[in-house]
Protein backbone atom coordinates (compact mmCIF):
# COMPACT_ATOMS: atom_id res chain seq x y z
CA MET A 1 0.04 0.02 0.01
CA ARG A 2 1.19 3.52 -0.72
CA LEU A 3 1.02 6.57 1.53
CA ILE A 4 -1.39 8.16 -0.93
CA ASP A 5 -3.86 5.32 -0.27
CA LEU A 6 -4.24 6.12 3.37
CA LYS A 7 -7.32 8.15 4.69
CA GLU A 8 -7.27 10.97 7.31
CA LYS A 9 -6.42 9.77 10.81
CA GLU A 10 -4.95 6.46 9.59
CA GLU A 11 -1.48 5.44 10.92
CA ALA A 12 1.18 3.43 9.16
CA VAL A 13 4.80 2.58 9.13
CA VAL A 14 7.11 3.44 6.20
CA LYS A 15 8.18 0.16 4.54
CA ASN A 16 9.87 1.19 1.29
CA LEU A 17 10.78 4.18 -0.85
CA THR A 18 10.12 3.09 -4.43
CA ASP A 19 12.01 5.95 -6.09
CA LYS A 20 15.77 5.32 -5.65
CA SER A 21 16.92 8.57 -7.27
CA ASN A 22 19.31 10.69 -5.28
CA THR A 23 16.99 13.76 -5.45
CA PHE A 24 14.02 11.91 -4.07
CA LEU A 25 15.97 10.16 -1.31
CA LYS A 26 17.63 13.41 -0.21
CA ARG A 27 14.29 15.21 -0.15
CA VAL A 28 12.44 12.57 1.96
CA GLU A 29 15.46 12.14 4.26
CA ALA A 30 15.43 15.89 5.00
CA MET A 31 11.77 15.56 5.97
CA GLY A 32 12.74 12.67 8.36
CA LEU A 33 10.97 10.01 6.34
CA LYS A 34 12.78 6.70 6.40
CA LYS A 35 12.03 3.02 6.67
CA GLY A 36 10.51 2.07 10.00
CA GLU A 37 9.11 5.51 10.80
CA ARG A 38 5.59 5.63 12.13
CA LEU A 39 3.37 8.43 10.74
CA LYS A 40 -0.24 9.53 10.78
CA VAL A 41 -2.24 11.20 8.07
CA GLU A 42 -3.62 14.35 9.58
CA LYS A 43 -5.24 16.03 6.60
CA ILE A 44 -5.62 15.65 2.86
CA LEU A 45 -5.68 19.10 1.24
CA GLY A 46 -6.06 19.10 -2.49
CA ARG A 47 -2.63 17.88 -3.88
CA ASN A 48 -1.04 17.76 -0.44
CA ILE A 49 -1.07 15.26 2.37
CA VAL A 50 -0.24 16.47 5.84
CA VAL A 51 1.28 13.80 8.07
CA SER A 52 2.53 13.96 11.65
CA LEU A 53 5.91 12.40 12.24
CA GLU A 54 8.01 12.48 15.35
CA GLY A 55 5.73 15.16 16.95
CA ARG A 56 5.82 17.52 13.97
CA LYS A 57 3.67 17.95 10.94
CA ILE A 58 4.94 17.90 7.25
CA ALA A 59 3.15 18.39 4.02
CA LEU A 60 3.88 16.09 1.10
CA ASP A 61 2.78 16.54 -2.47
CA LYS A 62 0.81 13.54 -3.72
CA SER A 63 3.52 12.79 -6.28
CA LEU A 64 5.95 12.16 -3.39
CA ALA A 65 3.31 10.17 -1.39
CA GLU A 66 2.86 7.80 -4.38
CA LYS A 67 6.48 6.76 -4.02
CA ILE A 68 6.29 5.81 -0.39
CA GLU A 69 5.11 2.40 0.59
CA VAL A 70 3.59 1.92 3.98
CA GLU A 71 2.01 -0.84 6.09
CA LYS A 72 -0.78 -0.34 8.64
């Protein structure tokens, strides 16, 4: 399942990053997203998904969320 498939208030653990490009990996790493991280979808706003991660909230574009595999 991909992060984009989650609904508001659902929680999941990051299992895989499907895009292995340097640009993508650096971008998600800067946000704190990595394998094993638990996150919660707070809001879905148009083309953005707001997730809480380690006590902070970050907004991801849906194109990024499509490349992040999660498990509930």
